[in-house]
Amino acid sequence: MKFQFATAARNFRLIDDKGAQSIIVCYKKGADLIELLRRKGPEPWLMRKLQRYIVSINSWDFEEIKESHRIEHIHGCWIQADAWLYDDNFGLTFHDNWINEILIA
Protein backbone atom coordinates (compact mmCIF):
# COMPACT_ATOMS: atom_id res chain seq x y z
CA MET A 1 0.00 0.00 0.00
CA LYS A 2 1.46 3.34 -1.06
CA PHE A 3 0.62 6.47 0.87
CA GLN A 4 0.69 9.74 -1.04
CA PHE A 5 2.25 12.03 1.58
CA ALA A 6 2.61 15.05 -0.73
CA THR A 7 -1.02 14.82 -1.85
CA ALA A 8 -2.25 14.39 1.71
CA ALA A 9 -0.21 17.35 2.95
CA ARG A 10 -1.50 19.55 0.12
CA ASN A 11 -5.17 18.61 0.59
CA PHE A 12 -5.54 18.12 4.35
CA ARG A 13 -6.16 21.07 6.69
CA LEU A 14 -6.63 20.48 10.41
CA ILE A 15 -7.49 24.16 10.74
CA ASP A 16 -9.21 25.95 7.89
CA ASP A 17 -6.87 28.85 7.15
CA LYS A 18 -8.58 30.16 4.04
CA GLY A 19 -9.06 33.88 4.44
CA ALA A 20 -6.67 34.04 7.39
CA GLN A 21 -4.88 37.32 8.01
CA SER A 22 -1.50 37.83 9.67
CA ILE A 23 -0.48 40.31 12.36
CA ILE A 24 3.03 40.87 13.69
CA VAL A 25 2.87 41.10 17.48
CA CYS A 26 5.22 42.62 20.06
CA TYR A 27 6.21 39.38 21.81
CA LYS A 28 9.60 39.46 23.57
CA LYS A 29 12.10 40.95 21.07
CA GLY A 30 9.39 41.50 18.46
CA ALA A 31 9.08 45.17 19.44
CA ASP A 32 12.73 45.82 18.53
CA LEU A 33 12.30 44.12 15.16
CA ILE A 34 9.10 46.04 14.49
CA GLU A 35 10.98 49.28 15.13
CA LEU A 36 13.60 48.19 12.58
CA LEU A 37 10.80 47.48 10.11
CA ARG A 38 9.51 51.03 10.61
CA ARG A 39 12.94 52.53 9.93
CA LYS A 40 14.42 50.24 7.28
CA GLY A 41 11.42 48.75 5.53
CA PRO A 42 10.83 45.07 4.73
CA GLU A 43 14.37 43.82 4.15
CA PRO A 44 14.54 40.04 3.55
CA TRP A 45 16.69 39.24 6.61
CA LEU A 46 14.33 41.27 8.83
CA MET A 47 11.17 39.66 7.45
CA ARG A 48 12.67 36.20 8.16
CA LYS A 49 13.27 37.23 11.79
CA LEU A 50 9.76 38.67 12.10
CA GLN A 51 8.16 35.38 11.00
CA ARG A 52 8.27 34.03 14.55
CA TYR A 53 6.14 36.99 15.73
CA ILE A 54 3.32 36.48 13.22
CA VAL A 55 -0.10 35.47 14.49
CA SER A 56 -2.74 34.36 11.98
CA ILE A 57 -6.42 34.98 12.64
CA ASN A 58 -9.62 34.57 10.65
CA SER A 59 -10.76 37.44 8.45
CA TRP A 60 -13.78 38.55 10.54
CA ASP A 61 -11.67 38.84 13.74
CA PHE A 62 -9.02 40.68 11.72
CA GLU A 63 -11.63 43.20 10.53
CA GLU A 64 -12.80 43.73 14.13
CA ILE A 65 -9.24 44.45 15.28
CA LYS A 66 -8.55 46.69 12.28
CA GLU A 67 -11.74 48.74 12.74
CA SER A 68 -10.91 49.28 16.42
CA HIS A 69 -7.48 50.69 15.39
CA ARG A 70 -5.54 48.09 17.38
CA ILE A 71 -3.25 47.34 14.43
CA GLU A 72 -1.49 49.54 11.89
CA HIS A 73 -0.30 49.00 8.33
CA ILE A 74 3.46 49.49 7.87
CA HIS A 75 5.34 48.62 4.67
CA GLY A 76 2.72 46.06 3.64
CA CYS A 77 2.50 44.41 7.08
CA TRP A 78 -0.15 44.60 9.77
CA ILE A 79 1.54 45.42 13.08
CA GLN A 80 0.25 45.46 16.65
CA ALA A 81 -0.49 49.10 17.59
CA ASP A 82 -2.27 48.50 20.91
CA ALA A 83 -0.10 47.27 23.80
CA TRP A 84 -3.06 45.30 25.19
CA LEU A 85 -3.76 43.37 21.98
CA TYR A 86 -1.29 40.58 22.75
CA ASP A 87 -0.66 38.94 26.13
CA ASP A 88 2.38 36.69 26.68
CA ASN A 89 0.23 34.16 28.58
CA PHE A 90 -3.03 34.25 26.62
CA GLY A 91 -2.08 35.36 23.10
CA LEU A 92 -4.41 37.74 21.26
CA THR A 93 -6.90 39.34 23.64
CA PHE A 94 -9.11 41.40 21.35
CA HIS A 95 -12.46 40.21 22.74
CA ASP A 96 -12.76 42.24 25.95
CA ASN A 97 -14.88 39.66 27.78
CA TRP A 98 -12.75 36.69 26.71
CA ILE A 99 -9.84 37.46 29.02
CA ASN A 100 -12.18 38.21 31.94
CA GLU A 101 -13.95 34.87 31.52
CA ILE A 102 -10.64 32.99 31.70
CA LEU A 103 -9.49 34.88 34.78
CA ILE A 104 -12.80 34.29 36.58
CA ALA A 105 -12.96 30.55 35.77
PDB file of N, CA and C in Angstrom:
ATOM      1  N   MET A   1       0.842  -1.175   0.000  1.00  0.00           N
ATOM      2  CA  MET A   1       0.000   0.000   0.000  1.00  0.00           C
ATOM      3  C   MET A   1       0.893   1.246   0.000  1.00  0.00           C
ATOM      4  N   LYS A   2       0.706   2.099  -0.974  1.00  0.00           N
ATOM      5  CA  LYS A   2       1.464   3.336  -1.060  1.00  0.00           C
ATOM      6  C   LYS A   2       0.628   4.481  -0.491  1.00  0.00           C
ATOM      7  N   PHE A   3       1.288   5.294   0.319  1.00  0.00           N
ATOM      8  CA  PHE A   3       0.622   6.468   0.875  1.00  0.00           C
ATOM      9  C   PHE A   3       1.165   7.705   0.180  1.00  0.00           C
ATOM     10  N   GLN A   4       0.316   8.533  -0.317  1.00  0.00           N
ATOM     11  CA  GLN A   4       0.686   9.740  -1.044  1.00  0.00           C
ATOM     12  C   GLN A   4       0.845  10.912  -0.069  1.00  0.00           C
ATOM     13  N   PHE A   5       2.013  11.006   0.567  1.00  0.00           N
ATOM     14  CA  PHE A   5       2.253  12.032   1.578  1.00  0.00           C
ATOM     15  C   PHE A   5       2.119  13.450   1.019  1.00  0.00           C
ATOM     16  N   ALA A   6       2.673  13.703  -0.150  1.00  0.00           N
ATOM     17  CA  ALA A   6       2.613  15.051  -0.729  1.00  0.00           C
ATOM     18  C   ALA A   6       1.170  15.454  -1.011  1.00  0.00           C
ATOM     19  N   THR A   7       0.379  14.533  -1.555  1.00  0.00           N
ATOM     20  CA  THR A   7      -1.020  14.824  -1.850  1.00  0.00           C
ATOM     21  C   THR A   7      -1.802  15.056  -0.567  1.00  0.00           C
ATOM     22  N   ALA A   8      -1.564  14.233   0.430  1.00  0.00           N
ATOM     23  CA  ALA A   8      -2.249  14.391   1.713  1.00  0.00           C
ATOM     24  C   ALA A   8      -1.890  15.723   2.362  1.00  0.00           C
ATOM     25  N   ALA A   9      -0.642  16.082   2.348  1.00  0.00           N
ATOM     26  CA  ALA A   9      -0.206  17.350   2.945  1.00  0.00           C
ATOM     27  C   ALA A   9      -0.821  18.543   2.224  1.00  0.00           C
ATOM     28  N   ARG A  10      -0.942  18.456   0.917  1.00  0.00           N
ATOM     29  CA  ARG A  10      -1.496  19.549   0.119  1.00  0.00           C
ATOM     30  C   ARG A  10      -3.003  19.693   0.343  1.00  0.00           C
ATOM     31  N   ASN A  11      -3.709  18.583   0.524  1.00  0.00           N
ATOM     32  CA  ASN A  11      -5.170  18.614   0.588  1.00  0.00           C
ATOM     33  C   ASN A  11      -5.756  18.649   1.998  1.00  0.00           C
ATOM     34  N   PHE A  12      -5.006  18.215   2.991  1.00  0.00           N
ATOM     35  CA  PHE A  12      -5.538  18.117   4.348  1.00  0.00           C
ATOM     36  C   PHE A  12      -5.281  19.396   5.127  1.00  0.00           C
ATOM     37  N   ARG A  13      -6.291  19.891   5.820  1.00  0.00           N
ATOM     38  CA  ARG A  13      -6.155  21.065   6.689  1.00  0.00           C
ATOM     39  C   ARG A  13      -6.845  20.762   8.012  1.00  0.00           C
ATOM     40  N   LEU A  14      -6.057  20.679   9.081  1.00  0.00           N
ATOM     41  CA  LEU A  14      -6.631  20.483  10.408  1.00  0.00           C
ATOM     42  C   LEU A  14      -7.403  21.730  10.809  1.00  0.00           C
ATOM     43  N   ILE A  15      -6.837  22.891  10.483  1.00  0.00           N
ATOM     44  CA  ILE A  15      -7.489  24.162  10.743  1.00  0.00           C
ATOM     45  C   ILE A  15      -7.686  24.848   9.402  1.00  0.00           C
ATOM     46  N   ASP A  16      -8.916  25.271   9.139  1.00  0.00           N
ATOM     47  CA  ASP A  16      -9.207  25.951   7.887  1.00  0.00           C
ATOM     48  C   ASP A  16      -8.592  27.342   7.937  1.00  0.00           C
ATOM     49  N   ASP A  17      -7.563  27.566   7.126  1.00  0.00           N
ATOM     50  CA  ASP A  17      -6.875  28.849   7.151  1.00  0.00           C
ATOM     51  C   ASP A  17      -7.164  29.703   5.921  1.00  0.00           C
ATOM     52  N   LYS A  18      -8.203  29.344   5.181  1.00  0.00           N
ATOM     53  CA  LYS A  18      -8.581  30.165   4.036  1.00  0.00           C
ATOM     54  C   LYS A  18      -9.110  31.489   4.561  1.00  0.00           C
ATOM     55  N   GLY A  19      -8.624  32.564   4.002  1.00  0.00           N
ATOM     56  CA  GLY A  19      -9.063  33.881   4.438  1.00  0.00           C
ATOM     57  C   GLY A  19      -8.373  34.354   5.706  1.00  0.00           C
ATOM     58  N   ALA A  20      -7.379  33.632   6.174  1.00  0.00           N
ATOM     59  CA  ALA A  20      -6.671  34.038   7.388  1.00  0.00           C
ATOM     60  C   ALA A  20      -5.817  35.270   7.101  1.00  0.00           C
ATOM     61  N   GLN A  21      -5.693  36.119   8.093  1.00  0.00           N
ATOM     62  CA  GLN A  21      -4.878  37.325   8.005  1.00  0.00           C
ATOM     63  C   GLN A  21      -3.762  37.233   9.036  1.00  0.00           C
ATOM     64  N   SER A  22      -2.656  37.887   8.777  1.00  0.00           N
ATOM     65  CA  SER A  22      -1.503  37.833   9.673  1.00  0.00           C
ATOM     66  C   SER A  22      -1.242  39.189  10.315  1.00  0.00           C
ATOM     67  N   ILE A  23      -0.846  39.121  11.591  1.00  0.00           N
ATOM     68  CA  ILE A  23      -0.482  40.313  12.357  1.00  0.00           C
ATOM     69  C   ILE A  23       0.852  40.030  13.021  1.00  0.00           C
ATOM     70  N   ILE A  24       1.760  40.990  12.974  1.00  0.00           N
ATOM     71  CA  ILE A  24       3.026  40.868  13.685  1.00  0.00           C
ATOM     72  C   ILE A  24       2.826  41.462  15.072  1.00  0.00           C
ATOM     73  N   VAL A  25       3.106  40.666  16.104  1.00  0.00           N
ATOM     74  CA  VAL A  25       2.868  41.102  17.482  1.00  0.00           C
ATOM     75  C   VAL A  25       4.181  41.406  18.202  1.00  0.00           C
ATOM     76  N   CYS A  26       4.067  42.187  19.256  1.00  0.00           N
ATOM     77  CA  CYS A  26       5.225  42.615  20.057  1.00  0.00           C
ATOM     78  C   CYS A  26       5.476  41.609  21.175  1.00  0.00           C
ATOM     79  N   TYR A  27       5.916  40.430  20.833  1.00  0.00           N
ATOM     80  CA  TYR A  27       6.211  39.383  21.806  1.00  0.00           C
ATOM     81  C   TYR A  27       7.714  39.322  21.998  1.00  0.00           C
ATOM     82  N   LYS A  28       8.174  39.465  23.219  1.00  0.00           N
ATOM     83  CA  LYS A  28       9.599  39.463  23.568  1.00  0.00           C
ATOM     84  C   LYS A  28      10.368  40.472  22.726  1.00  0.00           C
ATOM     85  N   LYS A  29      11.277  40.034  21.864  1.00  0.00           N
ATOM     86  CA  LYS A  29      12.102  40.950  21.066  1.00  0.00           C
ATOM     87  C   LYS A  29      11.393  41.440  19.802  1.00  0.00           C
ATOM     88  N   GLY A  30      10.139  41.072  19.637  1.00  0.00           N
ATOM     89  CA  GLY A  30       9.389  41.500  18.457  1.00  0.00           C
ATOM     90  C   GLY A  30       9.284  43.006  18.336  1.00  0.00           C
ATOM     91  N   ALA A  31       9.196  43.711  19.468  1.00  0.00           N
ATOM     92  CA  ALA A  31       9.079  45.173  19.438  1.00  0.00           C
ATOM     93  C   ALA A  31      10.314  45.807  18.811  1.00  0.00           C
ATOM     94  N   ASP A  32      11.495  45.285  19.127  1.00  0.00           N
ATOM     95  CA  ASP A  32      12.731  45.815  18.535  1.00  0.00           C
ATOM     96  C   ASP A  32      12.754  45.597  17.024  1.00  0.00           C
ATOM     97  N   LEU A  33      12.321  44.422  16.597  1.00  0.00           N
ATOM     98  CA  LEU A  33      12.304  44.116  15.164  1.00  0.00           C
ATOM     99  C   LEU A  33      11.259  44.957  14.435  1.00  0.00           C
ATOM    100  N   ILE A  34      10.136  45.198  15.092  1.00  0.00           N
ATOM    101  CA  ILE A  34       9.101  46.044  14.485  1.00  0.00           C
ATOM    102  C   ILE A  34       9.626  47.463  14.297  1.00  0.00           C
ATOM    103  N   GLU A  35      10.386  47.946  15.256  1.00  0.00           N
ATOM    104  CA  GLU A  35      10.979  49.285  15.127  1.00  0.00           C
ATOM    105  C   GLU A  35      11.955  49.331  13.947  1.00  0.00           C
ATOM    106  N   LEU A  36      12.726  48.265  13.754  1.00  0.00           N
ATOM    107  CA  LEU A  36      13.604  48.187  12.582  1.00  0.00           C
ATOM    108  C   LEU A  36      12.798  48.196  11.282  1.00  0.00           C
ATOM    109  N   LEU A  37      11.668  47.492  11.283  1.00  0.00           N
ATOM    110  CA  LEU A  37      10.803  47.480  10.105  1.00  0.00           C
ATOM    111  C   LEU A  37      10.315  48.894   9.793  1.00  0.00           C
ATOM    112  N   ARG A  38       9.953  49.644  10.804  1.00  0.00           N
ATOM    113  CA  ARG A  38       9.507  51.026  10.607  1.00  0.00           C
ATOM    114  C   ARG A  38      10.602  51.870   9.945  1.00  0.00           C
ATOM    115  N   ARG A  39      11.840  51.701  10.414  1.00  0.00           N
ATOM    116  CA  ARG A  39      12.941  52.534   9.930  1.00  0.00           C
ATOM    117  C   ARG A  39      13.528  52.081   8.605  1.00  0.00           C
ATOM    118  N   LYS A  40      13.703  50.754   8.442  1.00  0.00           N
ATOM    119  CA  LYS A  40      14.423  50.244   7.277  1.00  0.00           C
ATOM    120  C   LYS A  40      13.532  49.701   6.171  1.00  0.00           C
ATOM    121  N   GLY A  41      12.296  49.380   6.508  1.00  0.00           N
ATOM    122  CA  GLY A  41      11.424  48.752   5.531  1.00  0.00           C
ATOM    123  C   GLY A  41      11.591  47.232   5.563  1.00  0.00           C
ATOM    124  N   PRO A  42      10.877  46.529   4.695  1.00  0.00           N
ATOM    125  CA  PRO A  42      10.831  45.069   4.729  1.00  0.00           C
ATOM    126  C   PRO A  42      12.035  44.394   4.066  1.00  0.00           C
ATOM    127  N   GLU A  43      13.185  44.491   4.679  1.00  0.00           N
ATOM    128  CA  GLU A  43      14.373  43.818   4.151  1.00  0.00           C
ATOM    129  C   GLU A  43      14.239  42.310   4.380  1.00  0.00           C
ATOM    130  N   PRO A  44      14.723  41.490   3.451  1.00  0.00           N
ATOM    131  CA  PRO A  44      14.537  40.037   3.547  1.00  0.00           C
ATOM    132  C   PRO A  44      15.005  39.428   4.875  1.00  0.00           C
ATOM    133  N   TRP A  45      16.184  39.802   5.358  1.00  0.00           N
ATOM    134  CA  TRP A  45      16.686  39.238   6.614  1.00  0.00           C
ATOM    135  C   TRP A  45      15.774  39.599   7.787  1.00  0.00           C
ATOM    136  N   LEU A  46      15.210  40.815   7.760  1.00  0.00           N
ATOM    137  CA  LEU A  46      14.333  41.269   8.834  1.00  0.00           C
ATOM    138  C   LEU A  46      12.989  40.545   8.779  1.00  0.00           C
ATOM    139  N   MET A  47      12.458  40.360   7.591  1.00  0.00           N
ATOM    140  CA  MET A  47      11.175  39.659   7.452  1.00  0.00           C
ATOM    141  C   MET A  47      11.293  38.208   7.909  1.00  0.00           C
ATOM    142  N   ARG A  48      12.460  37.579   7.670  1.00  0.00           N
ATOM    143  CA  ARG A  48      12.670  36.202   8.164  1.00  0.00           C
ATOM    144  C   ARG A  48      12.642  36.182   9.691  1.00  0.00           C
ATOM    145  N   LYS A  49      13.260  37.164  10.327  1.00  0.00           N
ATOM    146  CA  LYS A  49      13.271  37.231  11.787  1.00  0.00           C
ATOM    147  C   LYS A  49      11.875  37.516  12.344  1.00  0.00           C
ATOM    148  N   LEU A  50      11.103  38.313  11.637  1.00  0.00           N
ATOM    149  CA  LEU A  50       9.763  38.667  12.095  1.00  0.00           C
ATOM    150  C   LEU A  50       8.757  37.518  11.967  1.00  0.00           C
ATOM    151  N   GLN A  51       9.083  36.500  11.185  1.00  0.00           N
ATOM    152  CA  GLN A  51       8.156  35.378  10.996  1.00  0.00           C
ATOM    153  C   GLN A  51       7.730  34.744  12.314  1.00  0.00           C
ATOM    154  N   ARG A  52       8.616  34.678  13.283  1.00  0.00           N
ATOM    155  CA  ARG A  52       8.274  34.032  14.555  1.00  0.00           C
ATOM    156  C   ARG A  52       7.300  34.852  15.387  1.00  0.00           C
ATOM    157  N   TYR A  53       7.047  36.114  14.991  1.00  0.00           N
ATOM    158  CA  TYR A  53       6.140  36.993  15.728  1.00  0.00           C
ATOM    159  C   TYR A  53       4.814  37.198  14.996  1.00  0.00           C
ATOM    160  N   ILE A  54       4.561  36.372  13.996  1.00  0.00           N
ATOM    161  CA  ILE A  54       3.325  36.481  13.222  1.00  0.00           C
ATOM    162  C   ILE A  54       2.249  35.591  13.836  1.00  0.00           C
ATOM    163  N   VAL A  55       1.073  36.189  14.005  1.00  0.00           N
ATOM    164  CA  VAL A  55      -0.100  35.468  14.489  1.00  0.00           C
ATOM    165  C   VAL A  55      -1.139  35.531  13.379  1.00  0.00           C
ATOM    166  N   SER A  56      -1.714  34.395  13.020  1.00  0.00           N
ATOM    167  CA  SER A  56      -2.744  34.356  11.982  1.00  0.00           C
ATOM    168  C   SER A  56      -4.114  34.232  12.632  1.00  0.00           C
ATOM    169  N   ILE A  57      -5.052  35.025  12.137  1.00  0.00           N
ATOM    170  CA  ILE A  57      -6.420  34.976  12.643  1.00  0.00           C
ATOM    171  C   ILE A  57      -7.385  34.986  11.468  1.00  0.00           C
ATOM    172  N   ASN A  58      -8.636  34.604  11.737  1.00  0.00           N
ATOM    173  CA  ASN A  58      -9.615  34.573  10.651  1.00  0.00           C
ATOM    174  C   ASN A  58      -9.976  36.000  10.236  1.00  0.00           C
ATOM    175  N   SER A  59     -10.547  36.122   9.049  1.00  0.00           N
ATOM    176  CA  SER A  59     -10.762  37.440   8.448  1.00  0.00           C
ATOM    177  C   SER A  59     -11.758  38.305   9.219  1.00  0.00           C
ATOM    178  N   TRP A  60     -12.801  37.722   9.822  1.00  0.00           N
ATOM    179  CA  TRP A  60     -13.778  38.553  10.535  1.00  0.00           C
ATOM    180  C   TRP A  60     -13.198  39.096  11.846  1.00  0.00           C
ATOM    181  N   ASP A  61     -12.348  38.319  12.540  1.00  0.00           N
ATOM    182  CA  ASP A  61     -11.675  38.843  13.735  1.00  0.00           C
ATOM    183  C   ASP A  61     -10.656  39.912  13.347  1.00  0.00           C
ATOM    184  N   PHE A  62      -9.970  39.695  12.219  1.00  0.00           N
ATOM    185  CA  PHE A  62      -9.019  40.683  11.723  1.00  0.00           C
ATOM    186  C   PHE A  62      -9.727  42.013  11.467  1.00  0.00           C
ATOM    187  N   GLU A  63     -10.883  41.965  10.824  1.00  0.00           N
ATOM    188  CA  GLU A  63     -11.631  43.197  10.532  1.00  0.00           C
ATOM    189  C   GLU A  63     -12.044  43.901  11.819  1.00  0.00           C
ATOM    190  N   GLU A  64     -12.427  43.138  12.832  1.00  0.00           N
ATOM    191  CA  GLU A  64     -12.804  43.731  14.126  1.00  0.00           C
ATOM    192  C   GLU A  64     -11.610  44.470  14.745  1.00  0.00           C
ATOM    193  N   ILE A  65     -10.440  43.845  14.713  1.00  0.00           N
ATOM    194  CA  ILE A  65      -9.235  44.454  15.279  1.00  0.00           C
ATOM    195  C   ILE A  65      -8.834  45.688  14.461  1.00  0.00           C
ATOM    196  N   LYS A  66      -8.921  45.581  13.160  1.00  0.00           N
ATOM    197  CA  LYS A  66      -8.551  46.687  12.278  1.00  0.00           C
ATOM    198  C   LYS A  66      -9.471  47.886  12.494  1.00  0.00           C
ATOM    199  N   GLU A  67     -10.770  47.645  12.560  1.00  0.00           N
ATOM    200  CA  GLU A  67     -11.737  48.735  12.736  1.00  0.00           C
ATOM    201  C   GLU A  67     -11.617  49.404  14.102  1.00  0.00           C
ATOM    202  N   SER A  68     -11.093  48.686  15.094  1.00  0.00           N
ATOM    203  CA  SER A  68     -10.915  49.279  16.424  1.00  0.00           C
ATOM    204  C   SER A  68      -9.535  49.936  16.561  1.00  0.00           C
ATOM    205  N   HIS A  69      -8.792  50.011  15.452  1.00  0.00           N
ATOM    206  CA  HIS A  69      -7.481  50.688  15.390  1.00  0.00           C
ATOM    207  C   HIS A  69      -6.459  50.087  16.353  1.00  0.00           C
ATOM    208  N   ARG A  70      -6.496  48.765  16.502  1.00  0.00           N
ATOM    209  CA  ARG A  70      -5.544  48.088  17.384  1.00  0.00           C
ATOM    210  C   ARG A  70      -4.344  47.562  16.620  1.00  0.00           C
ATOM    211  N   ILE A  71      -4.380  47.705  15.286  1.00  0.00           N
ATOM    212  CA  ILE A  71      -3.253  47.341  14.429  1.00  0.00           C
ATOM    213  C   ILE A  71      -3.017  48.483  13.451  1.00  0.00           C
ATOM    214  N   GLU A  72      -1.807  48.527  12.894  1.00  0.00           N
ATOM    215  CA  GLU A  72      -1.491  49.538  11.893  1.00  0.00           C
ATOM    216  C   GLU A  72      -0.770  48.887  10.719  1.00  0.00           C
ATOM    217  N   HIS A  73      -0.880  49.522   9.572  1.00  0.00           N
ATOM    218  CA  HIS A  73      -0.298  49.004   8.334  1.00  0.00           C
ATOM    219  C   HIS A  73       1.029  49.699   8.077  1.00  0.00           C
ATOM    220  N   ILE A  74       2.120  48.934   8.086  1.00  0.00           N
ATOM    221  CA  ILE A  74       3.457  49.490   7.873  1.00  0.00           C
ATOM    222  C   ILE A  74       4.173  48.658   6.821  1.00  0.00           C
ATOM    223  N   HIS A  75       4.575  49.278   5.742  1.00  0.00           N
ATOM    224  CA  HIS A  75       5.344  48.620   4.669  1.00  0.00           C
ATOM    225  C   HIS A  75       4.718  47.292   4.234  1.00  0.00           C
ATOM    226  N   GLY A  76       3.400  47.266   4.102  1.00  0.00           N
ATOM    227  CA  GLY A  76       2.721  46.063   3.639  1.00  0.00           C
ATOM    228  C   GLY A  76       2.439  45.029   4.709  1.00  0.00           C
ATOM    229  N   CYS A  77       2.726  45.340   5.969  1.00  0.00           N
ATOM    230  CA  CYS A  77       2.501  44.409   7.078  1.00  0.00           C
ATOM    231  C   CYS A  77       1.532  45.011   8.082  1.00  0.00           C
ATOM    232  N   TRP A  78       0.721  44.160   8.689  1.00  0.00           N
ATOM    233  CA  TRP A  78      -0.148  44.600   9.772  1.00  0.00           C
ATOM    234  C   TRP A  78       0.585  44.356  11.082  1.00  0.00           C
ATOM    235  N   ILE A  79       0.725  45.423  11.874  1.00  0.00           N
ATOM    236  CA  ILE A  79       1.540  45.420  13.079  1.00  0.00           C
ATOM    237  C   ILE A  79       0.671  45.773  14.281  1.00  0.00           C
ATOM    238  N   GLN A  80       0.936  45.146  15.405  1.00  0.00           N
ATOM    239  CA  GLN A  80       0.251  45.464  16.651  1.00  0.00           C
ATOM    240  C   GLN A  80       0.483  46.930  17.006  1.00  0.00           C
ATOM    241  N   ALA A  81      -0.594  47.691  17.218  1.00  0.00           N
ATOM    242  CA  ALA A  81      -0.494  49.096  17.591  1.00  0.00           C
ATOM    243  C   ALA A  81      -0.955  49.321  19.024  1.00  0.00           C
ATOM    244  N   ASP A  82      -1.723  48.394  19.554  1.00  0.00           N
ATOM    245  CA  ASP A  82      -2.272  48.500  20.906  1.00  0.00           C
ATOM    246  C   ASP A  82      -1.497  47.561  21.821  1.00  0.00           C
ATOM    247  N   ALA A  83      -0.911  48.095  22.879  1.00  0.00           N
ATOM    248  CA  ALA A  83      -0.101  47.272  23.796  1.00  0.00           C
ATOM    249  C   ALA A  83      -0.903  46.148  24.430  1.00  0.00           C
ATOM    250  N   TRP A  84      -2.210  46.301  24.527  1.00  0.00           N
ATOM    251  CA  TRP A  84      -3.058  45.298  25.191  1.00  0.00           C
ATOM    252  C   TRP A  84      -3.586  44.232  24.230  1.00  0.00           C
ATOM    253  N   LEU A  85      -3.245  44.332  22.962  1.00  0.00           N
ATOM    254  CA  LEU A  85      -3.761  43.368  21.980  1.00  0.00           C
ATOM    255  C   LEU A  85      -3.190  41.968  22.183  1.00  0.00           C
ATOM    256  N   TYR A  86      -1.930  41.877  22.605  1.00  0.00           N
ATOM    257  CA  TYR A  86      -1.286  40.576  22.749  1.00  0.00           C
ATOM    258  C   TYR A  86      -0.782  40.411  24.174  1.00  0.00           C
ATOM    259  N   ASP A  87      -1.103  39.271  24.783  1.00  0.00           N
ATOM    260  CA  ASP A  87      -0.657  38.944  26.130  1.00  0.00           C
ATOM    261  C   ASP A  87       0.267  37.738  26.048  1.00  0.00           C
ATOM    262  N   ASP A  88       1.407  37.789  26.737  1.00  0.00           N
ATOM    263  CA  ASP A  88       2.378  36.691  26.676  1.00  0.00           C
ATOM    264  C   ASP A  88       1.800  35.366  27.143  1.00  0.00           C
ATOM    265  N   ASN A  89       0.822  35.397  28.044  1.00  0.00           N
ATOM    266  CA  ASN A  89       0.234  34.162  28.579  1.00  0.00           C
ATOM    267  C   ASN A  89      -0.980  33.678  27.797  1.00  0.00           C
ATOM    268  N   PHE A  90      -1.768  34.615  27.250  1.00  0.00           N
ATOM    269  CA  PHE A  90      -3.033  34.248  26.620  1.00  0.00           C
ATOM    270  C   PHE A  90      -3.057  34.416  25.106  1.00  0.00           C
ATOM    271  N   GLY A  91      -2.077  35.106  24.541  1.00  0.00           N
ATOM    272  CA  GLY A  91      -2.077  35.360  23.103  1.00  0.00           C
ATOM    273  C   GLY A  91      -2.895  36.592  22.779  1.00  0.00           C
ATOM    274  N   LEU A  92      -3.579  36.593  21.640  1.00  0.00           N
ATOM    275  CA  LEU A  92      -4.407  37.741  21.261  1.00  0.00           C
ATOM    276  C   LEU A  92      -5.582  37.874  22.221  1.00  0.00           C
ATOM    277  N   THR A  93      -5.820  39.090  22.678  1.00  0.00           N
ATOM    278  CA  THR A  93      -6.903  39.342  23.639  1.00  0.00           C
ATOM    279  C   THR A  93      -7.786  40.476  23.133  1.00  0.00           C
ATOM    280  N   PHE A  94      -8.334  40.322  21.948  1.00  0.00           N
ATOM    281  CA  PHE A  94      -9.109  41.399  21.352  1.00  0.00           C
ATOM    282  C   PHE A  94     -10.577  41.360  21.719  1.00  0.00           C
ATOM    283  N   HIS A  95     -11.082  40.251  22.235  1.00  0.00           N
ATOM    284  CA  HIS A  95     -12.456  40.215  22.738  1.00  0.00           C
ATOM    285  C   HIS A  95     -12.388  40.572  24.212  1.00  0.00           C
ATOM    286  N   ASP A  96     -12.905  41.729  24.587  1.00  0.00           N
ATOM    287  CA  ASP A  96     -12.759  42.239  25.949  1.00  0.00           C
ATOM    288  C   ASP A  96     -13.252  41.264  27.016  1.00  0.00           C
ATOM    289  N   ASN A  97     -14.341  40.571  26.768  1.00  0.00           N
ATOM    290  CA  ASN A  97     -14.884  39.661  27.778  1.00  0.00           C
ATOM    291  C   ASN A  97     -14.133  38.345  27.846  1.00  0.00           C
ATOM    292  N   TRP A  98     -13.441  37.975  26.782  1.00  0.00           N
ATOM    293  CA  TRP A  98     -12.748  36.689  26.710  1.00  0.00           C
ATOM    294  C   TRP A  98     -11.720  36.548  27.811  1.00  0.00           C
ATOM    295  N   ILE A  99     -10.883  37.550  28.006  1.00  0.00           N
ATOM    296  CA  ILE A  99      -9.835  37.463  29.015  1.00  0.00           C
ATOM    297  C   ILE A  99     -10.442  37.432  30.416  1.00  0.00           C
ATOM    298  N   ASN A 100     -11.526  38.196  30.630  1.00  0.00           N
ATOM    299  CA  ASN A 100     -12.179  38.208  31.939  1.00  0.00           C
ATOM    300  C   ASN A 100     -12.779  36.855  32.276  1.00  0.00           C
ATOM    301  N   GLU A 101     -13.362  36.182  31.288  1.00  0.00           N
ATOM    302  CA  GLU A 101     -13.945  34.867  31.516  1.00  0.00           C
ATOM    303  C   GLU A 101     -12.894  33.860  31.933  1.00  0.00           C
ATOM    304  N   ILE A 102     -11.725  33.921  31.348  1.00  0.00           N
ATOM    305  CA  ILE A 102     -10.638  32.992  31.698  1.00  0.00           C
ATOM    306  C   ILE A 102     -10.164  33.273  33.119  1.00  0.00           C
ATOM    307  N   LEU A 103      -9.991  34.532  33.461  1.00  0.00           N
ATOM    308  CA  LEU A 103      -9.494  34.876  34.777  1.00  0.00           C
ATOM    309  C   LEU A 103     -10.482  34.543  35.885  1.00  0.00           C
ATOM    310  N   ILE A 104     -11.774  34.606  35.583  1.00  0.00           N
ATOM    311  CA  ILE A 104     -12.803  34.288  36.578  1.00  0.00           C
ATOM    312  C   ILE A 104     -12.902  32.783  36.784  1.00  0.00           C
ATOM    313  N   ALA A 105     -12.767  32.016  35.718  1.00  0.00           N
ATOM    314  CA  ALA A 105     -12.959  30.552  35.771  1.00  0.00           C
ATOM    315  C   ALA A 105     -11.986  29.842  36.669  1.00  0.00           C
TER     316      ALA A 105
END
